[in-house]
């Protein structure tokens, strides 16, 4: 499946919410809340995350991952002076495990290498995507509670 990036706009808020909510499904499956309470919680969390990202990284690219008109996920990248930060990469459940994330991250890494920048990403300690980051050559550089800061450096990656 081909995947392209398209800047997310104000009309994409509901789609971005759905992508976010899909990443929390298994976590909330064990919570004894009804669907309305789960949705209210997810909308609050999504709003807080979105506000935080945009306040702290106003110049980041906030992109939808699409194949034609079909939404696949989202990719947010801050291309900073010292390093690039992958703020978020998330794929809808039916799009995971198909190499889409690998291809997109390889593109980010190639672009960063072309300008001699390292790339960083925070990942939850037990997130299965950590294996992807390991394969791409990211190395853990810091621990912050449940999160690990991982970094890829051009010329050092396998």
N, C-alpha and C. Protein backbone atom coordinates (compact mmCIF):
# COMPACT_ATOMS: atom_id res chain seq x y z
N UNK A 1 0.85 -1.18 0.00
CA UNK A 1 0.00 0.00 0.00
C UNK A 1 0.89 1.24 0.00
N UNK A 2 0.58 2.17 -0.88
CA UNK A 2 1.34 3.41 -0.91
C UNK A 2 0.84 4.33 0.21
N UNK A 3 1.74 5.10 0.72
CA UNK A 3 1.39 6.04 1.79
C UNK A 3 2.04 7.37 1.49
N UNK A 4 1.26 8.41 1.60
CA UNK A 4 1.74 9.77 1.38
C UNK A 4 1.37 10.62 2.58
N UNK A 5 2.05 11.74 2.70
CA UNK A 5 1.73 12.68 3.77
C UNK A 5 0.96 13.87 3.21
N UNK A 6 -0.03 14.30 3.98
CA UNK A 6 -0.86 15.43 3.60
C UNK A 6 -1.02 16.29 4.85
N UNK A 7 -0.74 17.59 4.77
CA UNK A 7 -0.89 18.43 5.96
C UNK A 7 -2.31 18.33 6.53
N UNK A 8 -2.39 18.13 7.83
CA UNK A 8 -3.69 18.08 8.51
C UNK A 8 -4.19 19.50 8.72
N UNK A 9 -5.45 19.70 8.45
CA UNK A 9 -6.05 21.02 8.63
C UNK A 9 -7.16 20.97 9.65
N UNK A 10 -7.79 22.11 9.90
CA UNK A 10 -8.87 22.19 10.89
C UNK A 10 -10.02 21.21 10.61
N UNK A 11 -10.29 20.95 9.34
CA UNK A 11 -11.37 20.03 8.99
C UNK A 11 -11.03 18.57 9.30
N UNK A 12 -9.78 18.30 9.67
CA UNK A 12 -9.35 16.93 9.96
C UNK A 12 -9.38 16.59 11.45
N UNK A 13 -9.91 17.47 12.28
CA UNK A 13 -9.88 17.26 13.73
C UNK A 13 -10.55 15.96 14.14
N UNK A 14 -11.69 15.64 13.58
CA UNK A 14 -12.40 14.42 13.96
C UNK A 14 -11.61 13.18 13.53
N UNK A 15 -11.02 13.22 12.36
CA UNK A 15 -10.19 12.10 11.90
C UNK A 15 -8.96 11.95 12.80
N UNK A 16 -8.31 13.04 13.15
CA UNK A 16 -7.16 12.97 14.05
C UNK A 16 -7.56 12.39 15.40
N UNK A 17 -8.75 12.77 15.88
CA UNK A 17 -9.25 12.19 17.13
C UNK A 17 -9.42 10.68 16.98
N UNK A 18 -10.04 10.24 15.88
CA UNK A 18 -10.25 8.80 15.68
C UNK A 18 -8.93 8.03 15.65
N UNK A 19 -7.93 8.61 15.00
CA UNK A 19 -6.61 7.97 14.95
C UNK A 19 -6.05 7.86 16.36
N UNK A 20 -6.11 8.96 17.11
CA UNK A 20 -5.64 8.96 18.49
C UNK A 20 -6.39 7.90 19.31
N UNK A 21 -7.72 7.91 19.23
CA UNK A 21 -8.53 6.98 20.03
C UNK A 21 -8.18 5.53 19.71
N UNK A 22 -7.86 5.26 18.45
CA UNK A 22 -7.53 3.88 18.06
C UNK A 22 -6.26 3.38 18.75
N UNK A 23 -5.39 4.30 19.13
CA UNK A 23 -4.14 3.89 19.79
C UNK A 23 -4.36 3.57 21.27
N UNK A 24 -5.53 3.89 21.79
CA UNK A 24 -5.82 3.68 23.21
C UNK A 24 -6.84 2.56 23.44
N UNK A 25 -7.30 1.91 22.35
CA UNK A 25 -8.37 0.91 22.48
C UNK A 25 -8.03 -0.21 23.45
N UNK A 26 -6.87 -0.84 23.29
CA UNK A 26 -6.56 -1.97 24.17
C UNK A 26 -6.38 -1.53 25.61
N UNK A 27 -5.82 -0.35 25.81
CA UNK A 27 -5.63 0.18 27.15
C UNK A 27 -6.97 0.40 27.86
N UNK A 28 -7.94 0.92 27.12
CA UNK A 28 -9.24 1.22 27.73
C UNK A 28 -10.19 0.02 27.75
N UNK A 29 -9.85 -1.04 27.05
CA UNK A 29 -10.71 -2.22 27.02
C UNK A 29 -10.92 -2.81 28.42
N UNK A 30 -9.95 -2.64 29.30
CA UNK A 30 -10.04 -3.22 30.64
C UNK A 30 -10.64 -2.27 31.67
N UNK A 31 -10.90 -1.03 31.26
CA UNK A 31 -11.47 -0.04 32.18
C UNK A 31 -12.98 -0.24 32.25
N UNK A 32 -13.55 -0.26 33.45
CA UNK A 32 -14.99 -0.56 33.58
C UNK A 32 -15.91 0.63 33.31
N UNK A 33 -15.60 1.43 32.30
CA UNK A 33 -16.43 2.57 31.95
C UNK A 33 -17.33 2.20 30.79
N UNK A 34 -18.47 2.90 30.68
CA UNK A 34 -19.30 2.70 29.50
C UNK A 34 -18.68 3.48 28.33
N UNK A 35 -19.22 3.24 27.14
CA UNK A 35 -18.64 3.85 25.93
C UNK A 35 -18.64 5.38 25.99
N UNK A 36 -19.70 5.97 26.55
CA UNK A 36 -19.78 7.43 26.62
C UNK A 36 -18.68 8.00 27.51
N UNK A 37 -18.41 7.35 28.62
CA UNK A 37 -17.37 7.82 29.53
C UNK A 37 -15.99 7.66 28.89
N UNK A 38 -15.78 6.54 28.19
CA UNK A 38 -14.51 6.33 27.50
C UNK A 38 -14.30 7.39 26.43
N UNK A 39 -15.36 7.69 25.68
CA UNK A 39 -15.22 8.70 24.63
C UNK A 39 -14.93 10.07 25.23
N UNK A 40 -15.61 10.43 26.30
CA UNK A 40 -15.36 11.73 26.94
C UNK A 40 -13.91 11.82 27.41
N UNK A 41 -13.42 10.74 28.01
CA UNK A 41 -12.03 10.70 28.46
C UNK A 41 -11.07 10.85 27.29
N UNK A 42 -11.32 10.09 26.21
CA UNK A 42 -10.44 10.15 25.04
C UNK A 42 -10.45 11.52 24.39
N UNK A 43 -11.61 12.14 24.31
CA UNK A 43 -11.68 13.48 23.71
C UNK A 43 -10.91 14.50 24.56
N UNK A 44 -11.02 14.38 25.88
CA UNK A 44 -10.27 15.27 26.76
C UNK A 44 -8.77 15.04 26.59
N UNK A 45 -8.34 13.79 26.56
CA UNK A 45 -6.93 13.46 26.41
C UNK A 45 -6.40 13.92 25.04
N UNK A 46 -7.18 13.69 24.00
CA UNK A 46 -6.78 14.12 22.67
C UNK A 46 -6.62 15.63 22.62
N UNK A 47 -7.58 16.35 23.17
CA UNK A 47 -7.51 17.81 23.19
C UNK A 47 -6.28 18.31 23.94
N UNK A 48 -5.99 17.68 25.07
CA UNK A 48 -4.82 18.07 25.86
C UNK A 48 -3.53 17.79 25.09
N UNK A 49 -3.46 16.62 24.47
CA UNK A 49 -2.26 16.27 23.70
C UNK A 49 -2.08 17.23 22.53
N UNK A 50 -3.15 17.47 21.78
CA UNK A 50 -3.06 18.35 20.62
C UNK A 50 -2.64 19.76 21.03
N UNK A 51 -3.23 20.28 22.09
CA UNK A 51 -2.87 21.62 22.57
C UNK A 51 -1.42 21.67 23.01
N UNK A 52 -0.96 20.62 23.70
CA UNK A 52 0.42 20.57 24.17
C UNK A 52 1.39 20.56 22.99
N UNK A 53 1.14 19.68 22.03
CA UNK A 53 2.02 19.61 20.86
C UNK A 53 2.10 20.96 20.15
N UNK A 54 0.95 21.55 19.87
CA UNK A 54 0.93 22.79 19.08
C UNK A 54 1.50 23.98 19.85
N UNK A 55 1.37 23.98 21.18
CA UNK A 55 1.96 25.06 21.98
C UNK A 55 3.48 24.92 22.07
N UNK A 56 3.96 23.68 22.18
CA UNK A 56 5.39 23.46 22.37
C UNK A 56 6.17 23.31 21.07
N UNK A 57 5.50 22.91 20.01
CA UNK A 57 6.15 22.73 18.71
C UNK A 57 5.29 23.35 17.61
N UNK A 58 5.15 24.69 17.63
CA UNK A 58 4.26 25.35 16.67
C UNK A 58 4.72 25.23 15.22
N UNK A 59 5.99 24.95 15.00
CA UNK A 59 6.51 24.86 13.63
C UNK A 59 6.62 23.44 13.12
N UNK A 60 6.14 22.48 13.90
CA UNK A 60 6.20 21.08 13.46
C UNK A 60 5.27 20.86 12.27
N UNK A 61 5.55 19.79 11.54
CA UNK A 61 4.60 19.38 10.49
C UNK A 61 3.61 18.41 11.14
N UNK A 62 2.34 18.67 10.94
CA UNK A 62 1.25 17.84 11.46
C UNK A 62 0.56 17.25 10.24
N UNK A 63 0.93 16.02 9.91
CA UNK A 63 0.47 15.41 8.67
C UNK A 63 -0.42 14.20 8.89
N UNK A 64 -1.36 14.05 7.98
CA UNK A 64 -2.12 12.81 7.87
C UNK A 64 -1.33 11.87 6.97
N UNK A 65 -1.39 10.60 7.27
CA UNK A 65 -0.84 9.57 6.39
C UNK A 65 -2.03 9.05 5.61
N UNK A 66 -1.94 9.11 4.28
CA UNK A 66 -3.06 8.72 3.43
C UNK A 66 -2.58 7.83 2.28
N UNK A 67 -3.51 7.07 1.77
CA UNK A 67 -3.31 6.34 0.52
C UNK A 67 -4.48 6.75 -0.36
N UNK A 68 -4.21 7.65 -1.30
CA UNK A 68 -5.31 8.25 -2.06
C UNK A 68 -6.17 9.05 -1.10
N UNK A 69 -7.46 8.73 -1.07
CA UNK A 69 -8.38 9.40 -0.14
C UNK A 69 -8.54 8.64 1.17
N UNK A 70 -7.89 7.50 1.29
CA UNK A 70 -8.06 6.66 2.48
C UNK A 70 -7.09 7.08 3.58
N UNK A 71 -7.61 7.47 4.76
CA UNK A 71 -6.72 7.82 5.87
C UNK A 71 -6.09 6.56 6.46
N UNK A 72 -4.79 6.66 6.76
CA UNK A 72 -4.06 5.55 7.35
C UNK A 72 -3.56 5.87 8.76
N UNK A 73 -3.28 7.15 9.02
CA UNK A 73 -2.73 7.51 10.32
C UNK A 73 -2.27 8.95 10.34
N UNK A 74 -1.33 9.22 11.25
CA UNK A 74 -0.80 10.57 11.38
C UNK A 74 0.69 10.51 11.71
N UNK A 75 1.40 11.56 11.29
CA UNK A 75 2.82 11.69 11.57
C UNK A 75 3.11 13.15 11.87
N UNK A 76 3.64 13.41 13.06
CA UNK A 76 3.99 14.76 13.48
C UNK A 76 5.50 14.81 13.69
N UNK A 77 6.17 15.76 13.03
CA UNK A 77 7.63 15.87 13.14
C UNK A 77 8.03 17.33 13.33
N UNK A 78 8.85 17.56 14.34
CA UNK A 78 9.46 18.86 14.57
C UNK A 78 10.88 18.81 14.01
N UNK A 79 11.17 19.66 13.05
CA UNK A 79 12.51 19.71 12.44
C UNK A 79 13.27 20.86 13.09
N UNK A 80 13.87 20.56 14.25
CA UNK A 80 14.52 21.58 15.06
C UNK A 80 15.94 21.90 14.63
N UNK A 81 16.47 22.93 15.23
CA UNK A 81 17.84 23.37 14.95
C UNK A 81 18.86 22.30 15.30
N UNK A 82 18.73 21.73 16.50
CA UNK A 82 19.71 20.77 16.98
C UNK A 82 19.40 19.33 16.57
N UNK A 83 18.14 19.00 16.56
CA UNK A 83 17.72 17.63 16.22
C UNK A 83 16.27 17.67 15.76
N UNK A 84 15.85 16.61 15.12
CA UNK A 84 14.45 16.46 14.75
C UNK A 84 13.77 15.57 15.78
N UNK A 85 12.50 15.84 16.03
CA UNK A 85 11.74 15.06 17.00
C UNK A 85 10.49 14.51 16.31
N UNK A 86 10.36 13.20 16.33
CA UNK A 86 9.10 12.59 15.90
C UNK A 86 8.18 12.70 17.10
N UNK A 87 7.24 13.62 17.02
CA UNK A 87 6.31 13.84 18.13
C UNK A 87 5.32 12.71 18.23
N UNK A 88 4.88 12.21 17.08
CA UNK A 88 3.88 11.15 17.08
C UNK A 88 3.83 10.49 15.72
N UNK A 89 3.73 9.18 15.75
CA UNK A 89 3.38 8.42 14.56
C UNK A 89 2.37 7.40 15.01
N UNK A 90 1.23 7.36 14.34
CA UNK A 90 0.16 6.45 14.71
C UNK A 90 -0.57 6.00 13.46
N UNK A 91 -0.80 4.72 13.38
CA UNK A 91 -1.55 4.15 12.25
C UNK A 91 -2.85 3.55 12.76
N UNK A 92 -3.88 3.64 11.95
CA UNK A 92 -5.15 2.99 12.28
C UNK A 92 -4.93 1.48 12.36
N UNK A 93 -5.70 0.78 13.18
CA UNK A 93 -5.46 -0.65 13.41
C UNK A 93 -5.31 -1.49 12.14
N UNK A 94 -6.12 -1.29 11.13
CA UNK A 94 -6.05 -2.09 9.92
C UNK A 94 -4.84 -1.80 9.05
N UNK A 95 -4.08 -0.79 9.41
CA UNK A 95 -2.91 -0.37 8.62
C UNK A 95 -1.59 -0.73 9.29
N UNK A 96 -1.67 -1.27 10.48
CA UNK A 96 -0.45 -1.60 11.23
C UNK A 96 0.14 -2.91 10.73
N UNK A 97 1.45 -3.04 10.88
CA UNK A 97 2.12 -4.29 10.53
C UNK A 97 2.31 -4.52 9.04
N UNK A 98 2.18 -3.47 8.25
CA UNK A 98 2.31 -3.60 6.79
C UNK A 98 3.54 -2.87 6.25
N UNK A 99 4.39 -2.37 7.13
CA UNK A 99 5.60 -1.69 6.70
C UNK A 99 5.42 -0.21 6.43
N UNK A 100 4.22 0.32 6.65
CA UNK A 100 3.96 1.74 6.37
C UNK A 100 4.78 2.63 7.31
N UNK A 101 4.74 2.33 8.59
CA UNK A 101 5.50 3.11 9.56
C UNK A 101 7.00 3.05 9.28
N UNK A 102 7.48 1.87 8.92
CA UNK A 102 8.90 1.71 8.60
C UNK A 102 9.29 2.59 7.43
N UNK A 103 8.48 2.56 6.36
CA UNK A 103 8.80 3.37 5.17
C UNK A 103 8.78 4.86 5.49
N UNK A 104 7.78 5.29 6.24
CA UNK A 104 7.70 6.71 6.58
C UNK A 104 8.85 7.15 7.46
N UNK A 105 9.17 6.35 8.47
CA UNK A 105 10.28 6.72 9.34
C UNK A 105 11.61 6.67 8.59
N UNK A 106 11.78 5.71 7.70
CA UNK A 106 13.00 5.70 6.88
C UNK A 106 13.11 6.98 6.05
N UNK A 107 11.98 7.50 5.58
CA UNK A 107 11.98 8.77 4.85
C UNK A 107 12.40 9.92 5.74
N UNK A 108 11.89 9.96 6.97
CA UNK A 108 12.28 11.00 7.92
C UNK A 108 13.77 10.90 8.21
N UNK A 109 14.26 9.68 8.42
CA UNK A 109 15.68 9.49 8.72
C UNK A 109 16.57 9.91 7.55
N UNK A 110 16.16 9.58 6.34
CA UNK A 110 16.94 9.97 5.16
C UNK A 110 16.98 11.49 5.02
N UNK A 111 15.84 12.14 5.24
CA UNK A 111 15.80 13.60 5.16
C UNK A 111 16.66 14.23 6.26
N UNK A 112 16.62 13.66 7.46
CA UNK A 112 17.43 14.18 8.56
C UNK A 112 18.92 13.97 8.28
N UNK A 113 19.27 12.81 7.74
CA UNK A 113 20.68 12.53 7.42
C UNK A 113 21.20 13.51 6.37
N UNK A 114 20.34 13.89 5.43
CA UNK A 114 20.75 14.81 4.37
C UNK A 114 21.14 16.18 4.92
N UNK A 115 20.62 16.53 6.10
CA UNK A 115 20.97 17.81 6.72
C UNK A 115 21.75 17.60 8.02
N UNK A 116 22.28 16.38 8.19
CA UNK A 116 23.14 16.02 9.34
C UNK A 116 22.46 16.26 10.69
N UNK A 117 21.20 15.85 10.79
CA UNK A 117 20.47 16.00 12.06
C UNK A 117 20.17 14.62 12.65
N UNK A 118 20.22 14.53 13.96
CA UNK A 118 19.76 13.32 14.63
C UNK A 118 18.23 13.40 14.74
N UNK A 119 17.62 12.25 15.02
CA UNK A 119 16.16 12.17 15.16
C UNK A 119 15.87 11.53 16.50
N UNK A 120 14.95 12.11 17.23
CA UNK A 120 14.57 11.60 18.55
C UNK A 120 13.09 11.25 18.57
N UNK A 121 12.76 10.34 19.47
CA UNK A 121 11.36 9.96 19.67
C UNK A 121 11.21 9.46 21.10
N UNK A 122 10.10 9.83 21.74
CA UNK A 122 9.75 9.27 23.04
C UNK A 122 8.84 8.08 22.79
N UNK A 123 9.08 7.01 23.51
CA UNK A 123 8.26 5.82 23.38
C UNK A 123 8.00 5.25 24.77
N UNK A 124 6.79 4.77 24.98
CA UNK A 124 6.50 4.12 26.25
C UNK A 124 7.34 2.85 26.34
N UNK A 125 7.81 2.57 27.52
CA UNK A 125 8.72 1.46 27.76
C UNK A 125 8.24 0.14 27.16
N UNK A 126 6.94 -0.16 27.25
CA UNK A 126 6.42 -1.45 26.79
C UNK A 126 5.67 -1.36 25.47
N UNK A 127 5.83 -0.26 24.75
CA UNK A 127 5.17 -0.11 23.45
C UNK A 127 5.83 -1.06 22.44
N UNK A 128 5.03 -1.89 21.76
CA UNK A 128 5.61 -2.82 20.78
C UNK A 128 6.37 -2.11 19.65
N UNK A 129 6.06 -0.84 19.39
CA UNK A 129 6.75 -0.09 18.33
C UNK A 129 8.22 0.13 18.68
N UNK A 130 8.58 -0.08 19.93
CA UNK A 130 9.98 0.09 20.31
C UNK A 130 10.88 -0.83 19.48
N UNK A 131 10.39 -2.01 19.15
CA UNK A 131 11.18 -2.93 18.32
C UNK A 131 11.47 -2.33 16.95
N UNK A 132 10.51 -1.61 16.39
CA UNK A 132 10.71 -0.93 15.12
C UNK A 132 11.84 0.09 15.25
N UNK A 133 11.78 0.89 16.31
CA UNK A 133 12.80 1.92 16.49
C UNK A 133 14.18 1.30 16.68
N UNK A 134 14.23 0.19 17.41
CA UNK A 134 15.51 -0.53 17.57
C UNK A 134 16.04 -0.98 16.20
N UNK A 135 15.17 -1.56 15.39
CA UNK A 135 15.58 -2.03 14.05
C UNK A 135 16.08 -0.90 13.17
N UNK A 136 15.49 0.28 13.32
CA UNK A 136 15.89 1.42 12.50
C UNK A 136 17.18 2.08 12.99
N UNK A 137 17.69 1.64 14.13
CA UNK A 137 18.95 2.18 14.62
C UNK A 137 18.83 3.21 15.72
N UNK A 138 17.62 3.39 16.27
CA UNK A 138 17.46 4.28 17.41
C UNK A 138 18.08 3.61 18.64
N UNK A 139 18.66 4.42 19.51
CA UNK A 139 19.24 3.93 20.76
C UNK A 139 18.66 4.72 21.92
N UNK A 140 18.41 4.04 23.02
CA UNK A 140 17.90 4.72 24.21
C UNK A 140 18.96 5.65 24.76
N UNK A 141 18.56 6.91 25.01
CA UNK A 141 19.51 7.88 25.56
C UNK A 141 19.06 8.43 26.91
N UNK A 142 17.80 8.19 27.28
CA UNK A 142 17.29 8.74 28.53
C UNK A 142 16.04 7.99 28.95
N UNK A 143 15.78 7.95 30.26
CA UNK A 143 14.55 7.39 30.81
C UNK A 143 13.80 8.49 31.54
N UNK A 144 12.49 8.56 31.33
CA UNK A 144 11.65 9.52 32.03
C UNK A 144 10.37 8.82 32.43
N UNK A 145 10.33 8.30 33.63
CA UNK A 145 9.18 7.56 34.15
C UNK A 145 8.83 6.42 33.20
N UNK A 146 7.65 6.46 32.57
CA UNK A 146 7.28 5.34 31.69
C UNK A 146 7.81 5.50 30.27
N UNK A 147 8.44 6.65 29.98
CA UNK A 147 8.91 6.92 28.63
C UNK A 147 10.43 6.75 28.51
N UNK A 148 10.82 6.34 27.33
CA UNK A 148 12.23 6.28 26.97
C UNK A 148 12.45 7.28 25.84
N UNK A 149 13.52 8.04 25.93
CA UNK A 149 13.91 8.90 24.81
C UNK A 149 14.90 8.09 23.99
N UNK A 150 14.57 7.92 22.72
CA UNK A 150 15.43 7.19 21.81
C UNK A 150 15.94 8.16 20.76
N UNK A 151 17.15 7.90 20.29
CA UNK A 151 17.78 8.80 19.32
C UNK A 151 18.46 8.00 18.21
N UNK A 152 18.32 8.52 17.02
CA UNK A 152 18.98 7.99 15.82
C UNK A 152 19.96 9.05 15.37
N UNK A 153 21.18 8.64 15.07
CA UNK A 153 22.18 9.59 14.58
C UNK A 153 22.67 9.16 13.22
N UNK A 154 22.74 10.09 12.29
CA UNK A 154 23.24 9.72 10.96
C UNK A 154 24.68 9.21 11.06
N UNK A 155 24.95 8.18 10.32
CA UNK A 155 26.29 7.61 10.34
C UNK A 155 26.50 6.56 11.43
N UNK A 156 25.62 6.52 12.41
CA UNK A 156 25.73 5.52 13.49
C UNK A 156 24.68 4.43 13.35
N UNK A 157 23.65 4.69 12.59
CA UNK A 157 22.55 3.74 12.49
C UNK A 157 22.94 2.55 11.64
N UNK A 158 22.38 1.39 12.01
CA UNK A 158 22.65 0.18 11.25
C UNK A 158 21.73 0.11 10.11
